[in-house]
N, C-alpha and C. Protein backbone atom coordinates (compact mmCIF):
# COMPACT_ATOMS: atom_id res chain seq x y z
N MET A 1 0.84 -1.17 0.00
CA MET A 1 0.00 0.00 0.00
C MET A 1 0.89 1.25 0.00
N ALA A 2 0.57 2.19 -0.81
CA ALA A 2 1.37 3.41 -0.95
C ALA A 2 1.17 4.33 0.25
N ARG A 3 2.21 5.12 0.51
CA ARG A 3 2.12 6.09 1.59
C ARG A 3 1.26 7.27 1.19
N VAL A 4 0.70 7.91 2.18
CA VAL A 4 -0.12 9.10 1.94
C VAL A 4 0.82 10.26 1.60
N ARG A 5 0.41 11.06 0.62
CA ARG A 5 1.21 12.21 0.20
C ARG A 5 1.31 13.22 1.35
N SER A 6 2.51 13.69 1.57
CA SER A 6 2.75 14.64 2.66
C SER A 6 2.11 15.99 2.35
N PRO A 7 1.41 16.58 3.30
CA PRO A 7 0.84 17.92 3.06
C PRO A 7 1.93 18.98 2.91
N ASN A 8 3.12 18.70 3.47
CA ASN A 8 4.22 19.65 3.32
C ASN A 8 4.70 19.74 1.88
N ARG A 9 4.43 18.72 1.10
CA ARG A 9 4.85 18.72 -0.30
C ARG A 9 4.15 19.84 -1.07
N ASP A 10 2.85 19.97 -0.84
CA ASP A 10 2.09 21.03 -1.50
C ASP A 10 2.45 22.40 -0.93
N LYS A 11 2.71 22.45 0.37
CA LYS A 11 3.11 23.72 0.99
C LYS A 11 4.45 24.18 0.43
N ALA A 12 5.36 23.24 0.23
CA ALA A 12 6.68 23.58 -0.31
C ALA A 12 6.55 24.16 -1.71
N PHE A 13 5.67 23.58 -2.53
CA PHE A 13 5.49 24.11 -3.89
C PHE A 13 4.85 25.49 -3.84
N GLU A 14 3.93 25.71 -2.93
CA GLU A 14 3.30 27.03 -2.80
C GLU A 14 4.34 28.09 -2.41
N ILE A 15 5.24 27.73 -1.51
CA ILE A 15 6.32 28.66 -1.13
C ILE A 15 7.20 28.94 -2.34
N TYR A 16 7.50 27.91 -3.09
CA TYR A 16 8.33 28.05 -4.30
C TYR A 16 7.64 28.98 -5.30
N LYS A 17 6.32 28.84 -5.44
CA LYS A 17 5.57 29.71 -6.36
C LYS A 17 5.54 31.16 -5.88
N GLU A 18 5.41 31.36 -4.58
CA GLU A 18 5.37 32.72 -4.03
C GLU A 18 6.65 33.49 -4.37
N TYR A 19 7.77 32.80 -4.35
CA TYR A 19 9.05 33.44 -4.63
C TYR A 19 9.43 33.36 -6.12
N ASN A 20 8.50 32.88 -6.95
CA ASN A 20 8.73 32.72 -8.39
C ASN A 20 9.97 31.88 -8.71
N GLY A 21 10.25 30.90 -7.88
CA GLY A 21 11.38 30.01 -8.10
C GLY A 21 12.71 30.58 -7.66
N ASN A 22 12.71 31.77 -7.09
CA ASN A 22 13.96 32.41 -6.66
C ASN A 22 14.22 32.18 -5.18
N ILE A 23 14.07 30.95 -4.75
CA ILE A 23 14.33 30.59 -3.36
C ILE A 23 15.07 29.25 -3.38
N ALA A 24 16.03 29.12 -2.50
CA ALA A 24 16.83 27.89 -2.44
C ALA A 24 16.05 26.80 -1.71
N ASN A 25 16.37 25.58 -2.03
CA ASN A 25 15.74 24.44 -1.35
C ASN A 25 16.00 24.50 0.15
N ARG A 26 17.18 24.98 0.50
CA ARG A 26 17.56 25.09 1.91
C ARG A 26 16.60 26.01 2.67
N GLU A 27 16.20 27.11 2.05
CA GLU A 27 15.29 28.05 2.70
C GLU A 27 13.90 27.44 2.89
N ILE A 28 13.43 26.73 1.88
CA ILE A 28 12.12 26.07 1.99
C ILE A 28 12.17 25.02 3.09
N ALA A 29 13.28 24.29 3.17
CA ALA A 29 13.45 23.26 4.19
C ALA A 29 13.44 23.88 5.59
N LYS A 30 14.07 25.05 5.74
CA LYS A 30 14.07 25.71 7.05
C LYS A 30 12.67 26.16 7.44
N ILE A 31 11.91 26.68 6.48
CA ILE A 31 10.55 27.15 6.77
C ILE A 31 9.66 25.99 7.22
N LEU A 32 9.76 24.86 6.54
CA LEU A 32 8.89 23.72 6.84
C LEU A 32 9.51 22.75 7.85
N ASP A 33 10.76 22.97 8.24
CA ASP A 33 11.47 22.14 9.20
C ASP A 33 11.55 20.67 8.73
N ILE A 34 12.00 20.50 7.48
CA ILE A 34 12.23 19.17 6.93
C ILE A 34 13.58 19.16 6.21
N SER A 35 13.98 18.01 5.72
CA SER A 35 15.28 17.85 5.09
C SER A 35 15.36 18.57 3.74
N GLU A 36 16.53 19.11 3.46
CA GLU A 36 16.76 19.77 2.17
C GLU A 36 16.70 18.76 1.02
N LYS A 37 17.17 17.55 1.26
CA LYS A 37 17.12 16.49 0.25
C LYS A 37 15.68 16.13 -0.11
N THR A 38 14.80 16.18 0.86
CA THR A 38 13.40 15.90 0.61
C THR A 38 12.82 16.93 -0.35
N ILE A 39 13.16 18.19 -0.12
CA ILE A 39 12.68 19.27 -0.98
C ILE A 39 13.20 19.08 -2.40
N SER A 40 14.49 18.75 -2.54
CA SER A 40 15.06 18.58 -3.88
C SER A 40 14.43 17.39 -4.60
N GLY A 41 14.09 16.34 -3.86
CA GLY A 41 13.40 15.19 -4.46
C GLY A 41 12.02 15.55 -4.96
N TRP A 42 11.27 16.29 -4.14
CA TRP A 42 9.94 16.73 -4.55
C TRP A 42 10.02 17.64 -5.76
N LYS A 43 11.01 18.52 -5.75
CA LYS A 43 11.17 19.48 -6.85
C LYS A 43 11.43 18.75 -8.17
N ALA A 44 12.25 17.70 -8.13
CA ALA A 44 12.56 16.95 -9.34
C ALA A 44 11.37 16.09 -9.78
N LYS A 45 10.75 15.39 -8.85
CA LYS A 45 9.67 14.47 -9.19
C LYS A 45 8.42 15.20 -9.68
N ASP A 46 8.11 16.33 -9.07
CA ASP A 46 6.91 17.08 -9.44
C ASP A 46 7.17 18.11 -10.54
N LYS A 47 8.42 18.25 -10.96
CA LYS A 47 8.82 19.17 -12.03
C LYS A 47 8.32 20.59 -11.77
N TRP A 48 8.76 21.14 -10.66
CA TRP A 48 8.32 22.47 -10.26
C TRP A 48 8.70 23.53 -11.28
N ASN A 49 9.89 23.45 -11.86
CA ASN A 49 10.31 24.47 -12.82
C ASN A 49 9.39 24.51 -14.03
N GLU A 50 9.00 23.33 -14.55
CA GLU A 50 8.12 23.29 -15.70
C GLU A 50 6.73 23.81 -15.35
N LYS A 51 6.24 23.47 -14.16
CA LYS A 51 4.93 23.96 -13.74
C LYS A 51 4.94 25.47 -13.57
N LEU A 52 6.01 25.99 -13.02
CA LEU A 52 6.11 27.42 -12.78
C LEU A 52 6.18 28.20 -14.09
N ASN A 53 6.91 27.67 -15.06
CA ASN A 53 7.07 28.36 -16.34
C ASN A 53 5.97 28.01 -17.33
N GLY A 54 5.12 27.06 -16.99
CA GLY A 54 4.04 26.69 -17.89
C GLY A 54 4.49 25.87 -19.08
N VAL A 55 5.63 25.24 -19.01
CA VAL A 55 6.14 24.45 -20.12
C VAL A 55 5.91 22.98 -19.79
N LEU A 56 4.97 22.38 -20.49
CA LEU A 56 4.72 20.95 -20.32
C LEU A 56 4.72 20.32 -21.70
N GLN A 57 5.89 20.09 -22.27
CA GLN A 57 6.02 19.53 -23.60
C GLN A 57 6.69 18.18 -23.52
N LYS A 58 6.29 17.32 -24.41
CA LYS A 58 6.94 16.03 -24.52
C LYS A 58 8.13 16.17 -25.44
N GLU A 59 9.13 15.35 -25.21
CA GLU A 59 10.31 15.36 -26.07
C GLU A 59 9.95 14.65 -27.37
N ILE A 60 10.07 15.37 -28.48
CA ILE A 60 9.72 14.82 -29.78
C ILE A 60 10.98 14.67 -30.61
N ARG A 61 11.18 13.50 -31.15
CA ARG A 61 12.34 13.25 -31.99
C ARG A 61 12.04 13.75 -33.39
N SER A 62 13.06 14.26 -34.05
CA SER A 62 12.87 14.79 -35.39
C SER A 62 12.58 13.70 -36.41
N THR A 63 13.19 12.54 -36.27
CA THR A 63 12.98 11.43 -37.20
C THR A 63 12.66 10.17 -36.42
N PRO A 64 11.45 9.67 -36.53
CA PRO A 64 11.13 8.42 -35.82
C PRO A 64 11.95 7.26 -36.35
N LYS A 65 12.11 6.23 -35.53
CA LYS A 65 12.93 5.08 -35.91
C LYS A 65 12.39 4.39 -37.16
N GLU A 66 11.08 4.37 -37.33
CA GLU A 66 10.50 3.65 -38.45
C GLU A 66 10.89 4.28 -39.79
N LYS A 67 11.13 5.58 -39.81
CA LYS A 67 11.39 6.27 -41.06
C LYS A 67 12.88 6.35 -41.40
N ARG A 68 13.74 5.93 -40.50
CA ARG A 68 15.17 6.02 -40.77
C ARG A 68 15.60 4.96 -41.77
N ASN A 69 16.51 5.34 -42.66
CA ASN A 69 17.09 4.39 -43.59
C ASN A 69 18.22 3.65 -42.90
N LYS A 70 18.29 2.36 -43.13
CA LYS A 70 19.34 1.56 -42.52
C LYS A 70 20.55 1.54 -43.44
N GLY A 71 21.71 1.31 -42.86
CA GLY A 71 22.93 1.20 -43.64
C GLY A 71 23.83 2.39 -43.45
N GLY A 72 24.83 2.48 -44.28
CA GLY A 72 25.83 3.55 -44.17
C GLY A 72 25.30 4.87 -44.72
N GLN A 73 26.14 5.87 -44.61
CA GLN A 73 25.76 7.18 -45.12
C GLN A 73 25.74 7.17 -46.64
N ILE A 74 24.92 8.05 -47.18
CA ILE A 74 24.82 8.15 -48.63
C ILE A 74 26.15 8.66 -49.18
N GLY A 75 26.66 8.00 -50.20
CA GLY A 75 27.91 8.41 -50.82
C GLY A 75 29.15 7.84 -50.16
N ASN A 76 29.01 6.95 -49.19
CA ASN A 76 30.15 6.36 -48.51
C ASN A 76 30.87 5.39 -49.45
N LYS A 77 32.15 5.57 -49.63
CA LYS A 77 32.93 4.76 -50.57
C LYS A 77 33.84 3.74 -49.88
N ASN A 78 33.67 3.54 -48.59
CA ASN A 78 34.51 2.58 -47.87
C ASN A 78 34.24 1.16 -48.35
N ALA A 79 35.28 0.39 -48.48
CA ALA A 79 35.22 -1.03 -48.86
C ALA A 79 34.55 -1.23 -50.21
N THR A 80 34.70 -0.28 -51.11
CA THR A 80 34.18 -0.47 -52.46
C THR A 80 35.36 -0.42 -53.42
N GLY A 81 35.18 -0.94 -54.53
CA GLY A 81 36.25 -0.93 -55.52
C GLY A 81 35.83 -1.75 -56.72
N PRO A 82 36.76 -2.07 -57.58
CA PRO A 82 36.40 -2.87 -58.76
C PRO A 82 36.00 -4.28 -58.33
N PRO A 83 35.23 -4.96 -59.18
CA PRO A 83 34.83 -6.34 -58.83
C PRO A 83 36.05 -7.22 -58.61
N GLY A 84 35.98 -8.07 -57.62
CA GLY A 84 37.07 -8.97 -57.32
C GLY A 84 38.14 -8.36 -56.44
N ASN A 85 37.87 -7.20 -55.85
CA ASN A 85 38.89 -6.59 -54.99
C ASN A 85 38.99 -7.34 -53.67
N LYS A 86 40.03 -7.08 -52.92
CA LYS A 86 40.28 -7.79 -51.68
C LYS A 86 40.20 -6.86 -50.47
N ASN A 87 39.32 -5.86 -50.53
CA ASN A 87 39.20 -4.92 -49.42
C ASN A 87 38.72 -5.59 -48.14
N ALA A 88 37.87 -6.60 -48.26
CA ALA A 88 37.33 -7.25 -47.07
C ALA A 88 38.29 -8.26 -46.46
N VAL A 89 39.33 -8.65 -47.18
CA VAL A 89 40.28 -9.64 -46.68
C VAL A 89 41.29 -8.93 -45.79
N THR A 90 41.30 -9.28 -44.51
CA THR A 90 42.25 -8.66 -43.58
C THR A 90 43.49 -9.53 -43.41
N THR A 91 43.29 -10.82 -43.47
CA THR A 91 44.43 -11.74 -43.40
C THR A 91 44.36 -12.67 -44.59
N GLY A 92 45.43 -13.27 -44.95
CA GLY A 92 45.48 -14.10 -46.14
C GLY A 92 44.91 -15.49 -45.96
N GLU A 93 44.62 -15.92 -44.71
CA GLU A 93 44.20 -17.29 -44.48
C GLU A 93 42.91 -17.64 -45.23
N PHE A 94 41.91 -16.77 -45.14
CA PHE A 94 40.65 -17.08 -45.79
C PHE A 94 40.83 -17.16 -47.29
N LEU A 95 41.60 -16.26 -47.86
CA LEU A 95 41.81 -16.23 -49.31
C LEU A 95 42.49 -17.51 -49.77
N ILE A 96 43.48 -17.97 -49.02
CA ILE A 96 44.21 -19.19 -49.37
C ILE A 96 43.30 -20.39 -49.29
N LEU A 97 42.48 -20.52 -48.22
CA LEU A 97 41.57 -21.63 -48.07
C LEU A 97 40.50 -21.61 -49.15
N TRP A 98 40.02 -20.44 -49.49
CA TRP A 98 38.97 -20.32 -50.51
C TRP A 98 39.49 -20.76 -51.88
N LYS A 99 40.75 -20.41 -52.20
CA LYS A 99 41.32 -20.78 -53.49
C LYS A 99 41.57 -22.29 -53.56
N LYS A 100 41.91 -22.93 -52.43
CA LYS A 100 42.14 -24.37 -52.43
C LYS A 100 40.85 -25.13 -52.69
N MET A 101 39.72 -24.59 -52.20
CA MET A 101 38.43 -25.27 -52.38
C MET A 101 37.95 -25.19 -53.82
N ASN A 102 38.32 -24.15 -54.51
CA ASN A 102 37.85 -23.98 -55.88
C ASN A 102 38.72 -24.64 -56.85
């Protein structure tokens, strides 16, 4: 069962609003006689800055994953060359084994 929300949480936000956000967490903690860490936790979880400024926007990505093209960059010339090139061969072992099989 969840704990009951502290009434000091709402009081702390009201104090923050009265000062238009120009008050330190330490000062709010002194007024309400609670821990400064508690105030900072409430401030982060309840997003006091966004509420005070009226900004409640979701983060929107410019290009969704579904629309992205897979693969390398357009015009990338790495590992390309004339047919039959050996750019992908890093050591000679595979080339030697492949020639023996053919």
